N, C-alpha and C. Protein backbone atom coordinates (compact mmCIF):
# COMPACT_ATOMS: atom_id res chain seq x y z
N SER A 1 113.84 108.48 95.03
CA SER A 1 113.19 107.74 93.88
C SER A 1 113.55 108.50 92.46
N ILE A 2 113.44 109.85 92.63
CA ILE A 2 113.54 110.41 91.30
C ILE A 2 115.07 110.36 90.74
N VAL A 3 115.90 110.29 91.75
CA VAL A 3 117.47 110.26 91.46
C VAL A 3 117.53 108.85 90.78
N ASN A 4 116.97 107.93 91.37
CA ASN A 4 117.18 106.57 90.89
C ASN A 4 116.48 106.48 89.26
N VAL A 5 115.30 106.70 89.14
CA VAL A 5 114.68 106.70 87.84
C VAL A 5 115.45 107.51 86.73
N THR A 6 115.85 108.78 87.19
CA THR A 6 116.48 109.80 86.29
C THR A 6 117.90 108.97 85.83
N TYR A 7 118.61 108.36 86.79
CA TYR A 7 119.90 107.74 86.55
C TYR A 7 119.60 106.64 85.69
N ALA A 8 118.60 105.72 85.79
CA ALA A 8 118.36 104.61 84.97
C ALA A 8 117.94 105.24 83.52
N GLU A 9 117.22 106.23 83.51
CA GLU A 9 116.90 106.78 82.17
C GLU A 9 118.06 107.28 81.40
N ALA A 10 119.13 107.94 82.22
CA ALA A 10 120.29 108.55 81.70
C ALA A 10 121.18 107.35 81.11
N LEU A 11 121.16 106.25 81.82
CA LEU A 11 122.04 105.06 81.34
C LEU A 11 121.50 104.57 80.13
N MET A 12 120.10 104.49 80.07
CA MET A 12 119.49 103.91 78.67
C MET A 12 119.79 104.99 77.62
N ALA A 13 119.55 106.28 77.96
CA ALA A 13 119.88 107.24 76.86
C ALA A 13 121.15 107.19 76.33
N SER A 14 122.20 106.97 77.12
CA SER A 14 123.56 106.84 76.82
C SER A 14 124.05 105.51 76.09
N GLY A 15 122.99 104.64 75.89
CA GLY A 15 123.19 103.42 75.23
C GLY A 15 123.60 102.34 75.96
N ASP A 16 123.69 102.47 77.22
CA ASP A 16 124.05 101.31 78.20
C ASP A 16 122.84 100.71 78.66
N ALA A 17 122.18 99.88 77.91
CA ALA A 17 120.88 99.23 78.33
C ALA A 17 121.15 98.25 79.42
N PRO A 18 122.26 97.42 79.28
CA PRO A 18 122.50 96.40 80.43
C PRO A 18 122.57 97.23 81.92
N ALA A 19 123.32 98.14 81.89
CA ALA A 19 123.52 98.84 83.11
C ALA A 19 122.21 99.57 83.59
N ALA A 20 121.42 100.08 82.64
CA ALA A 20 120.18 100.71 82.94
C ALA A 20 119.34 99.75 83.59
N HIS A 21 119.17 98.43 83.03
CA HIS A 21 118.28 97.44 83.41
C HIS A 21 118.63 97.00 84.78
N ARG A 22 120.00 96.79 84.96
CA ARG A 22 120.56 96.43 86.34
C ARG A 22 120.22 97.41 87.46
N TYR A 23 120.28 98.69 87.13
CA TYR A 23 120.12 99.92 88.03
C TYR A 23 118.45 99.95 88.29
N LEU A 24 117.83 99.71 87.24
CA LEU A 24 116.33 99.92 87.31
C LEU A 24 115.81 98.71 88.36
N ARG A 25 116.44 97.47 88.04
CA ARG A 25 115.93 96.33 88.88
C ARG A 25 116.15 96.65 90.44
N THR A 26 117.33 97.17 90.66
CA THR A 26 117.76 97.76 92.08
C THR A 26 116.89 98.83 92.58
N ALA A 27 116.68 99.75 91.78
CA ALA A 27 115.75 100.89 92.17
C ALA A 27 114.32 100.38 92.45
N HIS A 28 113.78 99.55 91.54
CA HIS A 28 112.49 98.73 91.76
C HIS A 28 112.42 98.00 93.17
N GLU A 29 113.42 97.30 93.41
CA GLU A 29 113.48 96.52 94.56
C GLU A 29 113.37 97.32 95.97
N ARG A 30 114.25 98.43 95.85
CA ARG A 30 114.20 99.38 96.95
C ARG A 30 112.91 99.97 97.13
N LEU A 31 112.24 100.37 95.97
CA LEU A 31 110.88 101.00 95.95
C LEU A 31 109.85 99.95 96.70
N LEU A 32 109.93 98.73 96.33
CA LEU A 32 108.94 97.81 96.71
C LEU A 32 109.30 97.55 98.25
N VAL A 33 110.46 97.60 98.84
CA VAL A 33 110.89 97.44 100.16
C VAL A 33 110.26 98.71 100.97
N ARG A 34 110.55 99.90 100.30
CA ARG A 34 109.75 101.01 101.00
C ARG A 34 108.21 100.93 101.04
N ALA A 35 107.64 100.52 100.08
CA ALA A 35 106.27 100.51 99.93
C ALA A 35 105.71 99.47 100.80
N ALA A 36 106.39 98.35 101.13
CA ALA A 36 105.90 97.33 101.96
C ALA A 36 105.83 97.84 103.31
N ARG A 37 106.73 98.80 103.74
CA ARG A 37 106.44 99.30 105.14
C ARG A 37 105.18 100.05 105.39
N ILE A 38 104.56 100.38 104.27
CA ILE A 38 103.23 101.20 104.48
C ILE A 38 102.23 100.20 104.76
N ARG A 39 101.54 100.06 105.83
CA ARG A 39 100.53 99.01 106.11
C ARG A 39 99.21 99.27 105.42
N ASP A 40 98.84 100.44 105.32
CA ASP A 40 97.55 100.69 104.79
C ASP A 40 97.61 100.53 103.19
N GLN A 41 96.88 99.61 102.67
CA GLN A 41 96.84 99.14 101.26
C GLN A 41 96.51 100.44 100.36
N VAL A 42 95.71 101.38 100.79
CA VAL A 42 95.28 102.48 100.06
C VAL A 42 96.50 103.46 99.88
N TRP A 43 97.06 103.66 101.01
CA TRP A 43 98.19 104.60 101.12
C TRP A 43 99.56 104.05 100.44
N ARG A 44 99.51 102.60 100.47
CA ARG A 44 100.69 102.10 99.69
C ARG A 44 100.46 102.12 98.22
N ARG A 45 99.16 102.03 97.69
CA ARG A 45 98.85 102.08 96.32
C ARG A 45 99.19 103.52 95.88
N SER A 46 98.67 104.42 96.69
CA SER A 46 98.89 105.81 96.27
C SER A 46 100.37 106.20 96.35
N PHE A 47 101.24 105.73 97.20
CA PHE A 47 102.75 105.85 97.05
C PHE A 47 103.32 105.24 95.80
N LEU A 48 102.74 104.15 95.45
CA LEU A 48 103.30 103.59 94.09
C LEU A 48 102.77 104.18 93.04
N GLU A 49 101.50 104.69 92.90
CA GLU A 49 100.92 105.10 91.56
C GLU A 49 100.85 106.63 91.41
N ASN A 50 100.69 107.32 92.63
CA ASN A 50 100.69 108.87 92.53
C ASN A 50 101.89 109.60 92.77
N ALA A 51 102.93 109.07 93.25
CA ALA A 51 104.22 109.79 93.18
C ALA A 51 104.83 109.55 91.84
N PRO A 52 104.88 110.65 91.00
CA PRO A 52 105.38 110.56 89.63
C PRO A 52 106.71 109.66 89.60
N GLU A 53 107.63 109.94 90.44
CA GLU A 53 108.87 109.03 90.08
C GLU A 53 108.67 107.57 90.56
N ASN A 54 107.77 107.28 91.40
CA ASN A 54 107.50 105.92 91.66
C ASN A 54 106.75 105.32 90.60
N ALA A 55 105.69 106.01 90.03
CA ALA A 55 104.92 105.50 88.89
C ALA A 55 105.77 105.24 87.59
N ARG A 56 106.57 106.05 87.48
CA ARG A 56 107.56 106.00 86.30
C ARG A 56 108.57 105.01 86.54
N THR A 57 108.99 104.52 87.84
CA THR A 57 109.83 103.41 87.90
C THR A 57 109.13 102.07 87.59
N ILE A 58 107.83 102.13 88.14
CA ILE A 58 106.88 100.83 87.70
C ILE A 58 106.80 100.77 86.24
N GLU A 59 106.60 101.94 85.60
CA GLU A 59 106.30 102.01 84.24
C GLU A 59 107.54 101.41 83.34
N LEU A 60 108.72 101.95 83.75
CA LEU A 60 109.95 101.46 83.05
C LEU A 60 110.21 99.94 83.44
N VAL A 61 109.91 99.49 84.44
CA VAL A 61 109.97 97.98 84.75
C VAL A 61 109.26 97.26 83.86
N ARG A 62 107.97 97.63 83.77
CA ARG A 62 106.89 96.95 82.83
C ARG A 62 107.52 97.04 81.32
N THR A 63 107.83 98.18 80.85
CA THR A 63 108.38 98.40 79.39
C THR A 63 109.83 97.84 79.12
N TRP A 64 110.78 97.97 80.10
CA TRP A 64 112.17 97.62 79.66
C TRP A 64 112.35 96.27 80.28
N LEU A 65 111.78 95.80 81.30
CA LEU A 65 112.13 94.34 81.84
C LEU A 65 111.24 93.33 81.43
N THR A 66 109.96 93.57 81.23
CA THR A 66 109.06 92.64 80.90
C THR A 66 108.53 92.49 79.49
N GLY A 67 109.01 93.58 78.71
CA GLY A 67 108.76 93.64 77.37
C GLY A 67 107.36 94.02 77.05
């Protein structure tokens, strides 16, 4: 996850917003697939919110893709 979010941020920083958005969408989809495998809701939420790279991915989706 850290590689995915870092790469998306690097694309954005280099001025390639369309590529950053595409990559972030893919990274977010993969993250959600991984999270869906966690049956316990508390653990799933912790995976998404308490792992810094996962929380950052979700934050970027909210700011970059949903405005």
